[in-house]
Amino acid sequence: MFDPEFQRKALSLVMGFIMEFSGTLAELEPVELTADNLNVSTISVSCLKVTWDSEPDRDYYVSCTAHDDNYAYADNMYFEFKSNDLCYITGLREGTEYTVTVEPVLSEEEQDGYTVKTSSADGKTETVEVIYGFPDEEGWDSCYCGERKSGLTRSPSWDAIQGSTVDTITRTGIMRDEYGDYCCAMGVWYGYCGDRFLVTNETGQQFTVKICDSKGYADDGEGRYHWFGGEGNGKCIIEFIYDDNSLPPCVAFSGSWGYYNWNGLDLSSNITSIKKINYGKPVEY
């Protein structure tokens, strides 16, 4: 008969050999996950584009930190994911350096056998060259009315709108040109078609616009603003140019983008600064 004691000893030797040369399951190195080829590129004064190599059906966590220890606008940041390998960070500040970090998210089944390694890369928002600063317009001036793109059929407005596309980052329906500027109409107090401006509001939000149509001398007679809701109410300094088929219902109802936060583009506070700026470099959305 086969000796059970001999069988036990033989099995013990075999298992010892396996453990010595192969390692137990507990000793195996966990699988490390990371986001390779992380790239951060500039879109505008307030937006960075973040891309990385992703795995199908995996979620990723993205964070952003300003290099300035006294940075006061972190609450304005918004992360707009277009896919699991593309994220736009909005609500940023002009000429500011940031570090962006991307980290894979583990599923419940992966908690024991996997680890994650963060990937980080630096980026910087557009730095503008200021030509001229305009005085602050007192009162309620966060009234951003709209004008249809299809109405711009004559030069110089037709020329100014060429090459612009609907901004898919903020989902406002507003047209945006190849320099990251929102297309708009403004009065002659500020300039003419083709001029671009850096706009800052009370919450620290910043964005750039380009004049694509003129409001002439407007309601005030100097070309600064139209009245919104009747004389003595809000002042509409900027009228966004929007795609006819992409106007959000809330804007169609209210008549203004100025009541809402558009994926990090918060237009609900008054304008504190408008500065005419030079052209920079075209961007790739």
Foldseek 3Di string as FASTA:
>chain_A
DDDPVVVVVVVVVVVVVCCVPPNDPLPDAFAEDEFAPWDWEEQAQFKIKIFTDDDPPWAKDKDKDWPDPPDDFRVLWFWADPDRGIIMIGQHGGFTKMKMKMKIDDDPVRPRRYHYDIDIDMDTYHHWAFDFWDAFDDDAALFAFADEPVVQDDPPLVVLLPQWDQDPQLLQQFTAHQQQATEWEFEPLVHAAQWKKWWAFDSGGIGMHGYSHYCYCEPVNNGQFHDDPDPPHYTHGIYTHGHPPRHDPVCVVRRGPQCDQRRSRHSVGGIRIMTTTDGDDGDDD
